[in-house]
Amino acid sequence: MVNFNGNLVDVSDPILTQENRGYKYGDALFETLKVVNGKIFFWEDHYFRLMASMRILRMDIPMNFTMEFLETEILKTVEANQLIDSSARVRFNVDRGNGGKYLPNENSRVNFNIVAELKHDPFYSINSDAIYTVDLYKDFFMAPGLLSGLKSNNKAIQVIGSIYAQENDFDNCLILNTNKNVIEALNGNLFLVKGDKIKTPPLEDGCLKGVMRKQVLQILSKDVNLFVEETSISPFELQKADELFITNVIKGIVPITKYRKKIYGSEFAQKLVIKLNTKLRLNP
């Protein structure tokens, strides 16, 4: 079942037309959520990121788009798909409806739709035996700025980068901005560990304002033995690092084990995921 503007419809029923602005122009935003046993992980952070993104795109936010209303609609969708007592991956989409060319019609209004699917593993874990290989994706670059950090439907680099990774037997790729700094992976934020120093690219470099990125930074900030920086990362730093890992809400923390000829450990990442799960148990 799909939730379209509060109405539950069968997934096979068409709900979007060819005039939909999200389809025609990428005039849309989305949030990817993890819902476990009826609890939306980090819901407040997701909600406020969505509201901020809608304002940046000058969308007219409906009066009923309160945190409580949208949470109810998300959980209604999860329950309709018989996932309320398990773990689910939810995509919450908003678009500016139909009509207009680049300039929306005056009567264009914000629509939302919600889809949910089963996702195993309610809490986060790391397989210490897994091999996870990445490379740089250098065919195209991201421009630094607010628009690059939005979860919009404009994901061309991520799409063709994923195809490139598959064609070359990589598990993921790292994206560069136009200043040739590493800003993120195809599907998450990047962290670099070197001794007691932890780096992650700043939002100004064009990386996604990741919800899991924020959680990890909050956890790291409480360790007085660590020096944490939001600073640009050069490709030359990658092979000098002790560890690299990727973060996103669905998978949590994913250690990179190989980049070119460099092999990395995952000891720091494994300790971090324990702290992350502890935080979730106390306050999901």
Protein backbone atom coordinates (compact mmCIF):
# COMPACT_ATOMS: atom_id res chain seq x y z
CA MET A 1 0.00 0.00 0.00
CA VAL A 2 1.14 3.53 -0.84
CA ASN A 3 0.07 6.61 1.12
CA PHE A 4 -0.81 9.44 -1.28
CA ASN A 5 -1.79 12.65 0.48
CA GLY A 6 -3.19 10.68 3.38
CA ASN A 7 -5.09 8.11 1.29
CA LEU A 8 -3.93 4.51 1.21
CA VAL A 9 -3.99 3.08 -2.32
CA ASP A 10 -2.76 -0.13 -3.86
CA VAL A 11 0.82 0.05 -5.06
CA SER A 12 -0.28 -0.96 -8.57
CA ASP A 13 -2.69 2.00 -8.89
CA PRO A 14 -1.22 5.02 -10.71
CA ILE A 15 -1.02 8.07 -8.45
CA LEU A 16 1.40 10.29 -10.36
CA THR A 17 0.80 11.68 -13.83
CA GLN A 18 3.29 12.64 -16.54
CA GLU A 19 2.69 16.26 -15.52
CA ASN A 20 4.04 15.68 -12.02
CA ARG A 21 6.80 18.20 -11.35
CA GLY A 22 8.88 15.71 -9.40
CA TYR A 23 8.98 13.50 -12.50
CA LYS A 24 9.38 16.29 -15.07
CA TYR A 25 11.88 18.55 -13.34
CA GLY A 26 13.08 16.80 -10.22
CA ASP A 27 11.03 19.38 -8.29
CA ALA A 28 10.80 17.10 -5.28
CA LEU A 29 12.47 16.11 -2.02
CA PHE A 30 12.60 12.89 -0.05
CA GLU A 31 13.58 11.46 3.31
CA THR A 32 14.67 7.86 3.81
CA LEU A 33 13.58 6.64 7.23
CA LYS A 34 14.19 3.60 9.37
CA VAL A 35 11.16 2.51 11.39
CA VAL A 36 11.49 -0.25 13.98
CA ASN A 37 8.53 -1.57 16.00
CA GLY A 38 6.53 1.57 15.33
CA LYS A 39 9.36 3.99 16.20
CA ILE A 40 10.88 6.29 13.59
CA PHE A 41 14.60 6.59 14.22
CA PHE A 42 15.77 10.22 14.55
CA TRP A 43 12.37 11.51 13.43
CA GLU A 44 12.88 15.04 14.76
CA ASP A 45 16.10 15.44 12.74
CA HIS A 46 14.45 14.10 9.60
CA TYR A 47 11.46 16.39 10.03
CA PHE A 48 13.44 19.59 10.52
CA ARG A 49 15.78 18.75 7.63
CA LEU A 50 12.74 18.25 5.38
CA MET A 51 11.19 21.56 6.47
CA ALA A 52 14.47 23.42 5.91
CA SER A 53 14.88 21.84 2.48
CA MET A 54 11.34 22.76 1.46
CA ARG A 55 12.03 26.38 2.43
CA ILE A 56 15.23 26.41 0.36
CA LEU A 57 13.22 25.19 -2.65
CA ARG A 58 10.54 27.82 -1.88
CA MET A 59 7.80 25.24 -1.48
CA ASP A 60 4.62 26.38 0.24
CA ILE A 61 4.59 24.18 3.33
CA PRO A 62 1.00 23.05 4.06
CA MET A 63 -0.38 24.09 7.43
CA ASN A 64 -1.05 20.47 8.38
CA PHE A 65 2.61 19.43 7.85
CA THR A 66 3.26 19.23 11.58
CA MET A 67 5.67 16.72 13.05
CA GLU A 68 2.78 14.83 14.65
CA PHE A 69 0.69 14.69 11.46
CA LEU A 70 3.49 13.38 9.25
CA GLU A 71 4.57 10.85 11.89
CA THR A 72 1.01 9.53 12.01
CA GLU A 73 0.88 9.21 8.22
CA ILE A 74 4.22 7.38 8.12
CA LEU A 75 3.19 4.90 10.80
CA LYS A 76 -0.21 4.45 9.12
CA THR A 77 1.63 3.41 5.96
CA VAL A 78 3.94 1.07 7.85
CA GLU A 79 0.96 -0.58 9.55
CA ALA A 80 -0.96 -0.90 6.27
CA ASN A 81 1.99 -2.88 4.90
CA GLN A 82 2.00 -5.13 7.99
CA LEU A 83 5.41 -3.87 9.12
CA ILE A 84 4.48 -2.16 12.37
CA ASP A 85 6.01 -4.96 14.48
CA SER A 86 9.19 -5.32 12.41
CA SER A 87 11.85 -3.18 10.77
CA ALA A 88 10.96 -1.08 7.75
CA ARG A 89 12.63 1.21 5.25
CA VAL A 90 10.35 4.12 4.46
CA ARG A 91 10.65 6.72 1.72
CA PHE A 92 8.73 9.94 2.33
CA ASN A 93 8.43 12.07 -0.84
CA VAL A 94 7.15 15.61 -1.33
CA ASP A 95 6.69 17.31 -4.70
CA ARG A 96 5.09 20.50 -5.98
CA GLY A 97 2.27 18.71 -7.76
CA ASN A 98 1.37 19.29 -11.41
CA GLY A 99 1.52 22.19 -13.81
CA GLY A 100 3.77 24.88 -15.14
CA LYS A 101 7.06 24.75 -16.95
CA TYR A 102 10.16 25.64 -14.95
CA LEU A 103 7.96 28.20 -13.22
CA PRO A 104 5.26 26.38 -11.23
CA ASN A 105 1.62 27.28 -11.68
CA GLU A 106 0.24 29.50 -8.96
CA ASN A 107 -2.11 26.72 -7.92
CA SER A 108 0.66 24.10 -7.65
CA ARG A 109 0.40 22.55 -4.21
CA VAL A 110 2.66 20.23 -2.30
CA ASN A 111 1.80 16.54 -2.50
CA PHE A 112 3.30 13.75 -0.43
CA ASN A 113 3.53 10.03 -0.90
CA ILE A 114 4.95 7.36 1.38
CA VAL A 115 6.16 3.85 0.58
CA ALA A 116 7.40 1.22 3.04
CA GLU A 117 9.30 -2.03 2.60
CA LEU A 118 10.65 -4.69 4.91
CA LYS A 119 14.18 -4.09 6.18
CA HIS A 120 15.90 -6.71 8.31
CA ASP A 121 18.18 -5.98 11.29
CA PRO A 122 16.37 -3.57 13.61
CA PHE A 123 19.61 -2.29 15.11
CA TYR A 124 22.93 -1.54 13.45
CA SER A 125 25.77 -4.03 13.09
CA ILE A 126 29.09 -4.48 11.30
CA ASN A 127 30.27 -7.68 9.67
CA SER A 128 33.97 -7.65 10.51
CA ASP A 129 34.68 -10.20 7.75
CA ALA A 130 32.99 -8.23 4.97
CA ILE A 131 35.07 -6.78 2.14
CA TYR A 132 33.96 -3.32 1.06
CA THR A 133 35.90 -1.74 -1.79
CA VAL A 134 35.58 1.82 -3.07
CA ASP A 135 37.20 4.08 -5.62
CA LEU A 136 36.94 7.73 -6.60
CA TYR A 137 34.25 8.67 -9.08
CA LYS A 138 35.81 11.29 -11.32
CA ASP A 139 33.56 11.54 -14.37
CA PHE A 140 31.48 14.33 -12.83
CA PHE A 141 31.79 16.61 -9.80
CA MET A 142 29.43 18.17 -7.28
CA ALA A 143 29.30 21.94 -6.92
CA PRO A 144 29.62 23.15 -3.31
CA GLY A 145 26.52 24.88 -1.95
CA LEU A 146 23.15 24.42 -0.28
CA LEU A 147 21.48 22.74 -3.24
CA SER A 148 24.09 19.96 -3.33
CA GLY A 149 23.27 19.10 0.27
CA LEU A 150 19.53 18.59 -0.31
CA LYS A 151 17.89 15.17 -0.60
CA SER A 152 16.20 16.12 -3.85
CA ASN A 153 15.18 13.92 -6.78
CA ASN A 154 18.14 15.29 -8.75
CA LYS A 155 20.51 12.36 -8.17
CA ALA A 156 22.15 11.95 -11.58
CA ILE A 157 25.69 11.65 -10.20
CA GLN A 158 24.60 9.03 -7.67
CA VAL A 159 22.81 7.03 -10.36
CA ILE A 160 25.60 6.96 -12.94
CA GLY A 161 28.20 6.62 -10.19
CA SER A 162 26.39 3.49 -8.95
CA ILE A 163 26.40 2.07 -12.47
CA TYR A 164 30.13 2.84 -12.73
CA ALA A 165 30.76 1.09 -9.40
CA GLN A 166 28.85 -2.01 -10.51
CA GLU A 167 30.66 -2.15 -13.86
CA ASN A 168 34.03 -2.04 -12.09
CA ASP A 169 33.20 -4.39 -9.19
CA PHE A 170 33.29 -1.68 -6.51
CA ASP A 171 30.87 -1.64 -3.61
CA ASN A 172 30.70 2.14 -3.64
CA CYS A 173 32.42 5.26 -4.93
CA LEU A 174 33.53 8.49 -3.32
CA ILE A 175 32.35 11.74 -4.89
CA LEU A 176 34.48 14.83 -5.46
CA ASN A 177 33.37 18.43 -5.58
CA THR A 178 34.55 20.95 -8.16
CA ASN A 179 37.44 21.86 -5.85
CA LYS A 180 38.57 18.21 -6.13
CA ASN A 181 37.91 17.50 -2.44
CA VAL A 182 36.24 14.25 -1.36
CA ILE A 183 32.78 15.08 -0.03
CA GLU A 184 30.84 11.84 0.45
CA ALA A 185 30.04 8.37 -0.82
CA LEU A 186 27.30 7.65 -3.34
CA ASN A 187 24.85 6.79 -0.56
CA GLY A 188 26.15 8.37 2.62
CA ASN A 189 28.55 10.67 4.41
CA LEU A 190 32.26 9.94 4.78
CA PHE A 191 34.40 9.86 7.94
CA LEU A 192 38.19 9.50 8.06
CA VAL A 193 40.09 8.20 11.09
CA LYS A 194 43.80 8.91 11.61
CA GLY A 195 45.02 8.18 15.14
CA ASP A 196 42.90 10.26 17.52
CA LYS A 197 41.80 12.62 14.74
CA ILE A 198 38.44 12.21 13.02
CA LYS A 199 37.53 14.16 9.90
CA THR A 200 34.34 14.54 7.91
CA PRO A 201 33.74 17.00 5.06
CA PRO A 202 31.90 20.22 6.00
CA LEU A 203 28.46 20.96 4.59
CA GLU A 204 29.96 23.91 2.73
CA ASP A 205 31.87 21.46 0.52
CA GLY A 206 28.58 20.15 -0.88
CA CYS A 207 28.01 16.95 1.10
CA LEU A 208 24.59 15.80 2.21
CA LYS A 209 23.36 17.14 5.54
CA GLY A 210 23.05 13.57 6.73
CA VAL A 211 20.92 12.62 9.72
CA MET A 212 23.29 9.78 10.65
CA ARG A 213 26.23 12.13 10.15
CA LYS A 214 24.73 14.35 12.84
CA GLN A 215 24.25 11.41 15.23
CA VAL A 216 27.84 10.26 14.78
CA LEU A 217 29.22 13.77 15.33
CA GLN A 218 27.21 14.05 18.53
CA ILE A 219 28.60 10.75 19.82
CA LEU A 220 32.17 11.66 18.89
CA SER A 221 31.90 15.08 20.55
CA LYS A 222 31.45 13.41 23.93
CA ASP A 223 34.83 11.64 23.76
CA VAL A 224 37.44 14.06 25.15
CA ASN A 225 40.23 11.86 23.78
CA LEU A 226 39.25 12.55 20.17
CA PHE A 227 39.89 15.57 17.98
CA VAL A 228 36.93 15.89 15.60
CA GLU A 229 36.99 18.22 12.59
CA GLU A 230 34.50 19.16 9.90
CA THR A 231 37.07 20.01 7.27
CA SER A 232 37.86 19.38 3.62
CA ILE A 233 39.41 16.01 2.75
CA SER A 234 41.90 15.71 -0.07
CA PRO A 235 42.05 12.45 -2.08
CA PHE A 236 45.70 12.19 -1.01
CA GLU A 237 44.60 11.76 2.62
CA LEU A 238 42.58 8.64 1.93
CA GLN A 239 45.51 6.24 1.66
CA LYS A 240 47.11 7.70 4.79
CA ALA A 241 44.04 7.05 6.95
CA ASP A 242 43.73 4.26 9.52
CA GLU A 243 40.03 3.82 8.81
CA LEU A 244 37.33 5.14 6.50
CA PHE A 245 33.64 4.60 7.02
CA ILE A 246 30.34 5.64 5.47
CA THR A 247 27.22 6.62 7.41
CA ASN A 248 23.54 6.61 6.53
CA VAL A 249 20.30 6.00 8.42
CA ILE A 250 19.48 2.65 6.84
CA LYS A 251 22.84 0.87 7.23
CA GLY A 252 24.26 2.91 10.09
CA ILE A 253 28.04 2.66 9.82
CA VAL A 254 29.74 0.88 6.90
CA PRO A 255 33.54 0.46 7.15
CA ILE A 256 35.52 0.78 3.94
CA THR A 257 38.06 -2.06 3.87
CA LYS A 258 39.87 -1.32 0.59
CA TYR A 259 40.66 1.75 -1.49
CA ARG A 260 43.09 1.08 -4.33
CA LYS A 261 46.08 -0.65 -2.69
CA LYS A 262 45.26 0.40 0.87
CA ILE A 263 43.61 -2.05 3.27
CA TYR A 264 41.78 -0.59 6.29
CA GLY A 265 40.69 -1.96 9.63
CA SER A 266 37.34 -1.36 11.29
CA GLU A 267 38.10 -1.36 15.02
CA PHE A 268 37.05 2.26 15.56
CA ALA A 269 33.86 1.81 13.52
CA GLN A 270 32.88 -1.30 15.47
CA LYS A 271 33.22 0.55 18.79
CA LEU A 272 31.24 3.45 17.36
CA VAL A 273 28.32 1.28 16.28
CA ILE A 274 27.99 -0.04 19.82
CA LYS A 275 27.67 3.53 21.09
CA LEU A 276 25.14 4.27 18.34
CA ASN A 277 22.94 1.32 19.32
CA THR A 278 23.19 2.31 22.97
CA LYS A 279 21.97 5.80 22.09
CA LEU A 280 19.06 4.34 20.12
CA ARG A 281 17.98 2.08 22.96
CA LEU A 282 17.94 5.02 25.34
CA ASN A 283 16.32 7.50 22.94
CA PRO A 284 15.38 6.31 19.42
